[in-house]
């Protein structure tokens, strides 16, 4: 048997799905007055709670929300988001998850 977990939020930027470490690694400033539906909130609510589950991979679809928002940082944030998702999953499952699990993606720009 196999199961699929669907987590999505329409028109959301990659920053919402990224762990906080991504912002430091990609040299992104976070302004306190901009923290509403902002940085890491979807990651904290919809991804991190799943990181104790044994998974075989991720399929990622996103793109339009970052066309005019931090576009110059997208290459870094996307790469780092994948890195930290893999690291967190491996750590929270006591290394039962491969640190290089497949991360398929579709992006529209």
C-alpha atoms as a PDB file:
ATOM      1  CA  UNK A   1       0.000   0.000   0.000  1.00  0.00           C
ATOM      2  CA  UNK A   2       1.042   3.575  -0.639  1.00  0.00           C
ATOM      3  CA  UNK A   3      -0.356   6.836   0.539  1.00  0.00           C
ATOM      4  CA  UNK A   4      -0.114  10.377  -0.701  1.00  0.00           C
ATOM      5  CA  UNK A   5      -0.077  13.411   1.552  1.00  0.00           C
ATOM      6  CA  UNK A   6      -1.285  16.592  -0.071  1.00  0.00           C
ATOM      7  CA  UNK A   7      -0.282  19.868   1.557  1.00  0.00           C
ATOM      8  CA  UNK A   8      -0.876  23.036  -0.390  1.00  0.00           C
ATOM      9  CA  UNK A   9      -1.691  26.707  -0.047  1.00  0.00           C
ATOM     10  CA  UNK A  10      -2.681  28.521  -3.181  1.00  0.00           C
ATOM     11  CA  UNK A  11      -0.424  31.318  -4.404  1.00  0.00           C
ATOM     12  CA  UNK A  12       2.082  30.932  -1.578  1.00  0.00           C
ATOM     13  CA  UNK A  13       5.720  31.910  -1.859  1.00  0.00           C
ATOM     14  CA  UNK A  14       8.616  29.559  -1.143  1.00  0.00           C
ATOM     15  CA  UNK A  15       9.497  31.553   1.976  1.00  0.00           C
ATOM     16  CA  UNK A  16       6.356  30.261   3.688  1.00  0.00           C
ATOM     17  CA  UNK A  17       7.410  26.634   3.088  1.00  0.00           C
ATOM     18  CA  UNK A  18      11.037  27.080   4.136  1.00  0.00           C
ATOM     19  CA  UNK A  19      12.584  26.405   7.542  1.00  0.00           C
ATOM     20  CA  UNK A  20      14.046  29.480   9.266  1.00  0.00           C
ATOM     21  CA  UNK A  21      17.634  28.400   8.543  1.00  0.00           C
ATOM     22  CA  UNK A  22      17.058  29.080   4.829  1.00  0.00           C
ATOM     23  CA  UNK A  23      16.795  32.822   5.408  1.00  0.00           C
ATOM     24  CA  UNK A  24      20.131  32.953   7.193  1.00  0.00           C
ATOM     25  CA  UNK A  25      21.872  30.795   4.578  1.00  0.00           C
ATOM     26  CA  UNK A  26      20.473  32.860   1.693  1.00  0.00           C
ATOM     27  CA  UNK A  27      21.251  36.202   3.388  1.00  0.00           C
ATOM     28  CA  UNK A  28      17.633  37.306   3.495  1.00  0.00           C
ATOM     29  CA  UNK A  29      16.610  40.026   5.905  1.00  0.00           C
ATOM     30  CA  UNK A  30      13.387  39.555   7.810  1.00  0.00           C
ATOM     31  CA  UNK A  31      11.691  42.788   8.771  1.00  0.00           C
ATOM     32  CA  UNK A  32       9.701  42.487  11.982  1.00  0.00           C
ATOM     33  CA  UNK A  33       6.924  44.745  10.654  1.00  0.00           C
ATOM     34  CA  UNK A  34       6.370  42.366   7.707  1.00  0.00           C
ATOM     35  CA  UNK A  35       5.723  39.287   9.857  1.00  0.00           C
ATOM     36  CA  UNK A  36       2.016  38.513   9.238  1.00  0.00           C
ATOM     37  CA  UNK A  37       1.435  35.447   7.023  1.00  0.00           C
ATOM     38  CA  UNK A  38       5.178  35.275   6.555  1.00  0.00           C
ATOM     39  CA  UNK A  39       8.384  33.309   6.650  1.00  0.00           C
ATOM     40  CA  UNK A  40       8.181  29.639   7.685  1.00  0.00           C
ATOM     41  CA  UNK A  41       4.565  29.727   8.843  1.00  0.00           C
ATOM     42  CA  UNK A  42       3.343  27.026   6.422  1.00  0.00           C
ATOM     43  CA  UNK A  43       6.475  24.954   7.001  1.00  0.00           C
ATOM     44  CA  UNK A  44       5.838  25.058  10.745  1.00  0.00           C
ATOM     45  CA  UNK A  45       2.152  24.198  10.395  1.00  0.00           C
ATOM     46  CA  UNK A  46       2.004  21.796   7.441  1.00  0.00           C
ATOM     47  CA  UNK A  47       5.456  20.245   6.870  1.00  0.00           C
ATOM     48  CA  UNK A  48       7.355  19.963  10.151  1.00  0.00           C
ATOM     49  CA  UNK A  49       4.582  17.940  11.873  1.00  0.00           C
ATOM     50  CA  UNK A  50       4.918  15.320   9.093  1.00  0.00           C
ATOM     51  CA  UNK A  51       8.679  14.906   9.434  1.00  0.00           C
ATOM     52  CA  UNK A  52       8.404  11.841  11.662  1.00  0.00           C
ATOM     53  CA  UNK A  53       6.616   9.931   8.898  1.00  0.00           C
ATOM     54  CA  UNK A  54       8.532   7.568   6.643  1.00  0.00           C
ATOM     55  CA  UNK A  55       8.306   8.978   3.124  1.00  0.00           C
ATOM     56  CA  UNK A  56       9.765   7.958  -0.216  1.00  0.00           C
ATOM     57  CA  UNK A  57       9.906  11.387  -1.846  1.00  0.00           C
ATOM     58  CA  UNK A  58       8.358  14.785  -2.463  1.00  0.00           C
ATOM     59  CA  UNK A  59       6.662  16.358  -5.470  1.00  0.00           C
ATOM     60  CA  UNK A  60       6.811  20.162  -5.472  1.00  0.00           C
ATOM     61  CA  UNK A  61       4.764  22.509  -7.652  1.00  0.00           C
ATOM     62  CA  UNK A  62       5.245  26.241  -7.185  1.00  0.00           C
ATOM     63  CA  UNK A  63       6.353  29.235  -9.093  1.00  0.00           C
ATOM     64  CA  UNK A  64       3.959  32.052  -9.745  1.00  0.00           C
ATOM     65  CA  UNK A  65       4.090  33.500  -6.239  1.00  0.00           C
ATOM     66  CA  UNK A  66       7.804  34.290  -6.498  1.00  0.00           C
ATOM     67  CA  UNK A  67       7.734  35.952  -9.911  1.00  0.00           C
ATOM     68  CA  UNK A  68       7.820  39.420  -8.334  1.00  0.00           C
ATOM     69  CA  UNK A  69       8.865  38.538  -4.792  1.00  0.00           C
ATOM     70  CA  UNK A  70      12.479  37.649  -3.892  1.00  0.00           C
ATOM     71  CA  UNK A  71      12.988  36.372  -7.407  1.00  0.00           C
ATOM     72  CA  UNK A  72      16.725  36.984  -7.167  1.00  0.00           C
ATOM     73  CA  UNK A  73      16.902  34.755  -4.078  1.00  0.00           C
ATOM     74  CA  UNK A  74      14.753  31.902  -5.426  1.00  0.00           C
ATOM     75  CA  UNK A  75      17.607  29.694  -6.625  1.00  0.00           C
ATOM     76  CA  UNK A  76      19.175  29.796  -3.170  1.00  0.00           C
ATOM     77  CA  UNK A  77      15.937  29.416  -1.221  1.00  0.00           C
ATOM     78  CA  UNK A  78      14.741  26.471  -3.316  1.00  0.00           C
ATOM     79  CA  UNK A  79      18.050  24.616  -3.021  1.00  0.00           C
ATOM     80  CA  UNK A  80      18.307  25.278   0.718  1.00  0.00           C
ATOM     81  CA  UNK A  81      14.664  24.389   1.360  1.00  0.00           C
ATOM     82  CA  UNK A  82      15.246  20.952  -0.198  1.00  0.00           C
ATOM     83  CA  UNK A  83      18.451  20.515   1.795  1.00  0.00           C
ATOM     84  CA  UNK A  84      16.786  21.345   5.122  1.00  0.00           C
ATOM     85  CA  UNK A  85      13.672  19.264   4.407  1.00  0.00           C
ATOM     86  CA  UNK A  86      15.890  16.236   3.729  1.00  0.00           C
ATOM     87  CA  UNK A  87      18.051  16.906   6.783  1.00  0.00           C
ATOM     88  CA  UNK A  88      15.039  17.379   9.088  1.00  0.00           C
ATOM     89  CA  UNK A  89      13.282  14.246   7.820  1.00  0.00           C
ATOM     90  CA  UNK A  90      16.393  12.150   8.252  1.00  0.00           C
ATOM     91  CA  UNK A  91      17.058  13.523  11.726  1.00  0.00           C
ATOM     92  CA  UNK A  92      13.475  13.184  13.011  1.00  0.00           C
ATOM     93  CA  UNK A  93      13.106   9.622  11.700  1.00  0.00           C
ATOM     94  CA  UNK A  94      16.413   8.492  13.252  1.00  0.00           C
ATOM     95  CA  UNK A  95      17.996   8.064   9.801  1.00  0.00           C
ATOM     96  CA  UNK A  96      15.216   5.793   8.479  1.00  0.00           C
ATOM     97  CA  UNK A  97      14.841   8.252   5.602  1.00  0.00           C
ATOM     98  CA  UNK A  98      17.530   8.513   2.939  1.00  0.00           C
ATOM     99  CA  UNK A  99      19.191  11.934   3.165  1.00  0.00           C
ATOM    100  CA  UNK A 100      18.853  12.218  -0.621  1.00  0.00           C
ATOM    101  CA  UNK A 101      15.216  11.163  -1.011  1.00  0.00           C
ATOM    102  CA  UNK A 102      13.748  12.155  -4.402  1.00  0.00           C
ATOM    103  CA  UNK A 103      12.479  15.698  -4.681  1.00  0.00           C
ATOM    104  CA  UNK A 104      10.625  16.097  -7.970  1.00  0.00           C
ATOM    105  CA  UNK A 105       9.468  19.554  -8.971  1.00  0.00           C
ATOM    106  CA  UNK A 106       7.468  21.523 -11.506  1.00  0.00           C
ATOM    107  CA  UNK A 107       7.929  25.267 -11.644  1.00  0.00           C
ATOM    108  CA  UNK A 108       6.200  27.896 -13.716  1.00  0.00           C
ATOM    109  CA  UNK A 109       7.966  31.198 -14.317  1.00  0.00           C
END
